[in-house]
Amino acid sequence: MITFRVSSSVYAYAAYLALMVWFLWPGRFASLYEYIEGENIYDQLIRKTTKNISLMRNGLRCDYSEVIEENLALYRPPFTEDIINNNVRIGGEYYPEDCLPSFSTAIIVPYRQRERQLNQFLIYMHNYLRRQRIHYRIFIIEQYDPKPFNRAKLFNIGALIAMGMDYPCLVLHDVDLMPLSLGNMYACSRKPRHMSSSLDEFRFNLPYRGLFGGAVAIESSVFLNVNGMSNMFSGWGGEDDDLYARLQNKQIEICRFSPAYSQYTMLPHRKETPNKDRVVFLKNGKLRYHTDGLNSLVYKQVGFKLHNLFTHVLVET
């Protein structure tokens, strides 16, 4: 009788090959999904500003047609290297002075120990957003304690602070994502919008239709309606899916722009430690939607400072 022995290296190679086939297999992506075409984008945007902007005595409305139609590819030098003609107001706020903007947006970024990425983000995003001629403010919500990173809780904190300043639109944004095309308006649409649906990390495909993370635009009123995000997802993973489930529970549909408008690049970064309880939390999340979120948010504000390029909120979770 002849016995064949298969070495562990063969098993390892087979496992690696299977993983690569799965990763490269086009069928694992949600290749077909509904999206808003470029010519329909402006009509889908909600024209709403903070009270101080709406009271400005400038009768000329900003025109957004050229920004959307041209959809200029902006992620390139010199826009990625330094802030051009820096006229950003203290606290990272900007609005055009030669016309009246139609949109006021709070960009909320959860953050901890990514100085290089934050610098890249601030330089490019200020160059990008000012060319959109909207009213915006960048909030950096930094977790100061050594606990596992709680991204969703930081979004909740930033949302409450931004809503306290009367911002009607929230963009929940990761610090390592950069929009590539200028036509992806940083304003809220009639439905909550998954902005980063075409990401280079996924070969510009959508991994699954329920993905609702990375960069998301959502009205403040809608975020309040679903009680924000869960505060329980410490560590990596699950909180975006939970937010999507909260919207579904309220029969609120999401939308996306055409892939030509939704392309992002992801900066290299170290992965966070996965949340070992994320699957369990997702399964029983419906039991907590009304009790776990904005209305149960507990944190300590350690610092609040208006920097030249951002509003910095330092918190312990």
Protein backbone atom coordinates (compact mmCIF):
# COMPACT_ATOMS: atom_id res chain seq x y z
CA MET A 1 0.00 0.00 0.00
CA ILE A 2 1.37 3.39 -1.04
CA THR A 3 0.78 6.34 1.32
CA PHE A 4 1.01 9.91 0.09
CA ARG A 5 1.92 12.67 2.52
CA VAL A 6 0.92 16.23 1.75
CA SER A 7 3.09 18.85 3.36
CA SER A 8 1.65 21.76 5.34
CA SER A 9 3.10 24.16 2.75
CA VAL A 10 0.81 22.65 0.09
CA TYR A 11 -2.23 23.22 2.31
CA ALA A 12 -1.08 26.76 2.97
CA TYR A 13 -0.66 27.43 -0.74
CA ALA A 14 -4.11 26.00 -1.50
CA ALA A 15 -5.68 28.16 1.19
CA TYR A 16 -3.86 31.22 -0.16
CA LEU A 17 -5.02 30.42 -3.71
CA ALA A 18 -8.62 30.00 -2.58
CA LEU A 19 -8.48 33.33 -0.75
CA MET A 20 -7.09 35.12 -3.80
CA VAL A 21 -9.77 33.59 -6.06
CA TRP A 22 -12.45 34.83 -3.64
CA PHE A 23 -10.91 38.29 -3.40
CA LEU A 24 -10.56 38.72 -7.16
CA TRP A 25 -13.85 37.08 -8.10
CA PRO A 26 -16.09 39.80 -9.60
CA GLY A 27 -19.26 38.07 -8.48
CA ARG A 28 -18.58 38.82 -4.82
CA PHE A 29 -19.23 42.51 -5.47
CA ALA A 30 -22.67 44.13 -5.72
CA SER A 31 -21.96 45.09 -9.33
CA LEU A 32 -25.52 46.22 -10.02
CA TYR A 33 -27.15 48.83 -7.81
CA GLU A 34 -29.32 51.87 -8.29
CA TYR A 35 -27.68 55.28 -8.36
CA ILE A 36 -28.42 58.90 -9.23
CA GLU A 37 -27.05 60.01 -12.58
CA GLY A 38 -24.96 63.16 -12.80
CA GLU A 39 -27.65 65.25 -14.52
CA ASN A 40 -30.06 64.52 -11.64
CA ILE A 41 -27.73 65.22 -8.72
CA TYR A 42 -28.61 68.86 -8.09
CA ASP A 43 -32.35 68.18 -7.99
CA GLN A 44 -31.78 65.53 -5.31
CA LEU A 45 -29.88 67.85 -2.97
CA ILE A 46 -31.60 69.52 -0.01
CA ARG A 47 -31.00 73.26 -0.06
CA LYS A 48 -30.77 74.15 3.61
CA THR A 49 -28.29 76.29 5.56
CA THR A 50 -27.60 77.43 9.10
CA LYS A 51 -29.51 80.50 10.27
CA ASN A 52 -26.50 82.83 10.13
CA ILE A 53 -25.94 81.93 6.46
CA SER A 54 -29.62 82.31 5.54
CA LEU A 55 -29.63 85.82 7.06
CA MET A 56 -26.70 87.00 4.96
CA ARG A 57 -27.64 89.95 2.76
CA ASN A 58 -26.26 88.71 -0.51
CA GLY A 59 -28.88 88.19 -3.16
CA LEU A 60 -26.67 86.28 -5.58
CA ARG A 61 -27.03 82.53 -5.16
CA CYS A 62 -24.00 80.31 -5.71
CA ASP A 63 -24.15 78.32 -8.93
CA TYR A 64 -23.34 74.60 -8.67
CA SER A 65 -24.11 73.47 -12.21
CA GLU A 66 -20.53 73.77 -13.48
CA VAL A 67 -19.07 71.94 -10.46
CA ILE A 68 -21.42 68.99 -10.97
CA GLU A 69 -21.29 68.87 -14.77
CA GLU A 70 -17.51 69.10 -15.06
CA ASN A 71 -16.91 66.66 -12.18
CA LEU A 72 -13.27 67.67 -12.20
CA ALA A 73 -10.68 65.11 -11.07
CA LEU A 74 -9.04 67.01 -8.22
CA TYR A 75 -6.95 64.50 -6.27
CA ARG A 76 -3.57 65.59 -7.62
CA PRO A 77 -0.88 68.19 -6.98
CA PRO A 78 -1.01 71.03 -6.09
CA PHE A 79 -4.32 70.35 -4.26
CA THR A 80 -2.83 67.49 -2.25
CA GLU A 81 0.34 69.36 -1.23
CA ASP A 82 -0.64 72.61 0.44
CA ILE A 83 -3.71 74.75 1.07
CA ILE A 84 -4.11 77.13 -1.83
CA ASN A 85 -4.99 80.76 -0.98
CA ASN A 86 -5.92 79.92 2.59
CA ASN A 87 -9.06 81.85 3.49
CA VAL A 88 -10.48 79.24 5.87
CA ARG A 89 -12.02 80.77 8.99
CA ILE A 90 -11.03 79.84 12.52
CA GLY A 91 -12.47 76.46 13.50
CA GLY A 92 -12.17 75.07 9.96
CA GLU A 93 -15.24 76.91 8.68
CA TYR A 94 -15.69 78.34 5.20
CA TYR A 95 -18.38 79.98 3.12
CA PRO A 96 -18.00 81.93 -0.13
CA GLU A 97 -18.33 85.69 0.25
CA ASP A 98 -19.25 86.52 -3.34
CA CYS A 99 -22.45 84.46 -3.37
CA LEU A 100 -24.97 82.91 -1.00
CA PRO A 101 -24.39 79.15 -0.52
CA SER A 102 -27.33 76.75 -0.66
CA PHE A 103 -25.84 74.14 1.66
CA SER A 104 -24.41 74.07 5.19
CA THR A 105 -22.57 70.87 6.07
CA ALA A 106 -20.74 69.64 9.16
CA ILE A 107 -17.95 67.19 8.27
CA ILE A 108 -17.44 64.99 11.33
CA VAL A 109 -14.22 62.98 11.55
CA PRO A 110 -13.49 60.47 14.36
CA TYR A 111 -9.81 60.48 15.13
CA ARG A 112 -6.97 59.07 17.21
CA GLN A 113 -3.19 59.02 16.58
CA ARG A 114 -3.14 59.47 12.81
CA GLU A 115 -1.31 62.79 12.54
CA ARG A 116 0.07 62.24 9.04
CA GLN A 117 -3.31 61.25 7.64
CA LEU A 118 -5.05 64.12 9.39
CA ASN A 119 -2.61 66.58 7.84
CA GLN A 120 -3.20 65.10 4.37
CA PHE A 121 -6.95 65.13 4.94
CA LEU A 122 -7.12 68.77 6.04
CA ILE A 123 -4.97 70.07 3.20
CA TYR A 124 -6.85 68.28 0.46
CA MET A 125 -10.37 68.59 1.87
CA HIS A 126 -10.15 72.35 2.33
CA ASN A 127 -8.91 72.71 -1.25
CA TYR A 128 -11.69 70.39 -2.40
CA LEU A 129 -14.62 71.74 -0.40
CA ARG A 130 -13.97 75.44 -1.05
CA ARG A 131 -14.19 74.77 -4.78
CA GLN A 132 -17.68 73.36 -4.22
CA ARG A 133 -18.76 76.79 -2.89
CA ILE A 134 -20.70 75.40 0.05
CA HIS A 135 -20.76 76.45 3.69
CA TYR A 136 -18.94 73.81 5.74
CA ARG A 137 -17.05 73.21 8.96
CA ILE A 138 -14.68 70.35 9.78
CA PHE A 139 -15.01 68.80 13.25
CA ILE A 140 -12.23 66.48 14.46
CA ILE A 141 -13.54 64.37 17.36
CA GLU A 142 -10.52 62.83 19.08
CA GLN A 143 -10.71 59.92 21.51
CA TYR A 144 -8.26 60.72 24.30
CA ASP A 145 -8.51 57.56 26.42
CA PRO A 146 -6.72 54.21 25.81
CA LYS A 147 -9.94 52.21 25.37
CA PRO A 148 -10.65 50.47 22.05
CA PHE A 149 -11.49 53.04 19.40
CA ASN A 150 -15.23 53.78 19.37
CA ARG A 151 -15.86 55.34 15.96
CA ALA A 152 -19.66 55.38 16.20
CA LYS A 153 -19.65 57.05 19.60
CA LEU A 154 -17.34 59.76 18.27
CA PHE A 155 -19.76 60.32 15.38
CA ASN A 156 -22.58 60.71 17.89
CA ILE A 157 -20.60 63.27 19.89
CA GLY A 158 -19.71 65.25 16.78
CA ALA A 159 -23.29 65.13 15.53
CA LEU A 160 -24.70 66.59 18.75
CA ILE A 161 -22.11 69.38 18.75
CA ALA A 162 -22.74 70.19 15.07
CA MET A 163 -26.51 70.14 15.53
CA GLY A 164 -26.06 72.49 18.48
CA MET A 165 -24.48 74.88 15.96
CA ASP A 166 -27.53 74.52 13.70
CA TYR A 167 -25.94 72.41 10.95
CA PRO A 168 -28.78 70.72 9.01
CA CYS A 169 -26.52 68.25 7.20
CA LEU A 170 -23.93 65.84 8.60
CA VAL A 171 -21.18 64.08 6.68
CA LEU A 172 -19.76 61.21 8.73
CA HIS A 173 -16.27 60.83 7.30
CA ASP A 174 -13.22 58.62 7.90
CA VAL A 175 -9.89 60.47 8.01
CA ASP A 176 -8.28 58.06 5.53
CA LEU A 177 -10.71 58.63 2.66
CA MET A 178 -10.22 61.22 -0.09
CA PRO A 179 -12.86 62.00 -2.74
CA LEU A 180 -11.42 61.98 -6.25
CA SER A 181 -14.02 63.97 -8.21
CA LEU A 182 -15.37 67.42 -7.41
CA GLY A 183 -18.95 66.70 -8.49
CA ASN A 184 -19.57 64.56 -5.38
CA MET A 185 -21.32 67.39 -3.55
CA TYR A 186 -20.78 67.47 0.22
CA ALA A 187 -24.43 68.22 0.87
CA CYS A 188 -27.34 66.09 1.98
CA SER A 189 -29.69 64.49 -0.51
CA ARG A 190 -33.35 63.61 -0.09
CA LYS A 191 -32.29 60.18 1.11
CA PRO A 192 -29.26 59.43 3.30
CA ARG A 193 -26.36 58.93 0.89
CA HIS A 194 -23.50 56.49 0.82
CA MET A 195 -20.91 58.83 -0.69
CA SER A 196 -17.91 56.48 -1.00
CA SER A 197 -19.54 53.63 -2.93
CA SER A 198 -16.69 53.45 -5.47
CA LEU A 199 -13.53 52.90 -3.44
CA ASP A 200 -10.11 51.94 -4.83
CA GLU A 201 -9.64 49.48 -1.93
CA PHE A 202 -12.46 47.42 -3.51
CA ARG A 203 -11.34 48.05 -7.10
CA PHE A 204 -14.03 50.74 -7.35
CA ASN A 205 -16.77 48.18 -6.79
CA LEU A 206 -19.45 48.05 -4.09
CA PRO A 207 -18.78 44.99 -1.88
CA TYR A 208 -22.45 44.61 -0.85
CA ARG A 209 -25.60 46.67 -1.24
CA GLY A 210 -26.02 47.28 2.49
CA LEU A 211 -22.61 48.92 2.87
CA PHE A 212 -23.13 52.33 4.45
CA GLY A 213 -19.79 53.54 5.77
CA GLY A 214 -16.61 55.39 4.92
CA ALA A 215 -18.27 58.67 3.98
CA VAL A 216 -22.00 59.16 4.56
CA ALA A 217 -24.24 62.22 4.16
CA ILE A 218 -27.33 62.29 6.36
CA GLU A 219 -29.69 65.05 7.46
CA SER A 220 -29.45 65.98 11.13
CA SER A 221 -33.20 65.37 11.50
CA VAL A 222 -32.86 61.84 10.09
CA PHE A 223 -29.88 61.09 12.32
CA LEU A 224 -31.99 62.16 15.30
CA ASN A 225 -34.91 60.08 14.06
CA VAL A 226 -32.87 56.85 14.15
CA ASN A 227 -31.25 57.78 17.48
CA GLY A 228 -27.84 58.17 15.86
CA MET A 229 -25.43 55.24 15.97
CA SER A 230 -24.90 52.54 18.57
CA ASN A 231 -22.42 53.35 21.36
CA MET A 232 -21.53 49.68 21.89
CA PHE A 233 -19.27 48.97 18.92
CA SER A 234 -15.80 49.47 20.42
CA GLY A 235 -13.07 48.26 18.08
CA TRP A 236 -13.37 47.67 14.36
CA GLY A 237 -16.51 46.65 12.49
CA GLY A 238 -20.28 46.46 12.68
CA GLU A 239 -21.31 50.03 13.48
CA ASP A 240 -21.98 51.00 9.85
CA ASP A 241 -24.16 47.94 9.29
CA ASP A 242 -26.03 48.78 12.48
CA LEU A 243 -26.72 52.32 11.21
CA TYR A 244 -28.02 50.90 7.94
CA ALA A 245 -30.29 48.54 9.91
CA ARG A 246 -31.59 51.48 11.95
CA LEU A 247 -32.56 53.28 8.75
CA GLN A 248 -34.26 50.15 7.41
CA ASN A 249 -36.15 49.78 10.68
CA LYS A 250 -37.62 53.25 10.05
CA GLN A 251 -38.32 52.41 6.37
CA ILE A 252 -35.74 55.02 5.30
CA GLU A 253 -34.04 54.19 2.01
CA ILE A 254 -30.49 55.20 1.13
CA CYS A 255 -29.13 56.44 -2.18
CA ARG A 256 -25.85 56.69 -4.07
CA PHE A 257 -24.48 58.87 -6.85
CA SER A 258 -23.17 57.43 -10.08
CA PRO A 259 -19.80 55.64 -9.67
CA ALA A 260 -18.23 58.40 -11.76
CA TYR A 261 -19.01 60.79 -8.88
CA SER A 262 -18.41 58.44 -5.95
CA GLN A 263 -14.77 57.45 -6.38
CA TYR A 264 -12.49 57.66 -3.34
CA THR A 265 -8.97 56.63 -2.51
CA MET A 266 -8.02 55.14 0.85
CA LEU A 267 -4.78 56.20 2.50
CA PRO A 268 -2.62 53.38 3.89
CA HIS A 269 -3.30 52.78 7.56
CA ARG A 270 -3.01 50.25 10.34
CA LYS A 271 -6.17 48.24 10.88
CA GLU A 272 -8.01 48.57 14.17
CA THR A 273 -8.57 45.54 16.41
CA PRO A 274 -11.87 43.86 15.43
CA ASN A 275 -14.81 43.97 17.82
CA LYS A 276 -15.32 40.32 18.83
CA ASP A 277 -18.95 41.02 19.80
CA ARG A 278 -19.93 42.84 16.59
CA VAL A 279 -21.96 39.97 15.10
CA VAL A 280 -23.95 39.50 18.32
CA PHE A 281 -24.57 43.24 18.61
CA LEU A 282 -25.83 43.33 15.03
CA LYS A 283 -28.20 40.41 15.60
CA ASN A 284 -29.87 41.90 18.66
CA GLY A 285 -29.50 45.54 17.62
CA LYS A 286 -33.20 46.02 16.96
CA LEU A 287 -33.87 45.56 20.67
CA ARG A 288 -31.70 48.60 21.44
CA TYR A 289 -32.42 51.12 18.67
CA HIS A 290 -34.54 53.28 20.99
CA THR A 291 -32.24 53.02 24.02
CA ASP A 292 -28.70 52.85 22.57
CA GLY A 293 -27.58 55.93 20.68
CA LEU A 294 -27.84 59.69 21.01
CA ASN A 295 -30.22 59.43 23.95
CA SER A 296 -27.81 57.25 25.95
CA LEU A 297 -24.57 58.98 25.01
CA VAL A 298 -22.17 59.39 27.94
CA TYR A 299 -18.73 60.94 27.56
CA LYS A 300 -16.38 63.49 29.10
CA GLN A 301 -15.27 66.49 27.08
CA VAL A 302 -11.61 67.05 27.90
CA GLY A 303 -10.99 69.91 25.50
CA PHE A 304 -12.60 72.12 22.86
CA LYS A 305 -10.43 74.34 20.67
CA LEU A 306 -10.86 76.26 17.44
CA HIS A 307 -7.78 75.59 15.31
CA ASN A 308 -7.05 77.32 12.03
CA LEU A 309 -8.25 74.35 9.97
CA PHE A 310 -10.67 72.47 12.24
CA THR A 311 -12.76 72.46 15.37
CA HIS A 312 -11.06 70.08 17.79
CA VAL A 313 -13.15 68.21 20.35
CA LEU A 314 -11.13 66.05 22.76
CA VAL A 315 -13.15 63.42 24.61
CA GLU A 316 -12.93 60.44 26.91
CA THR A 317 -15.42 57.72 26.08
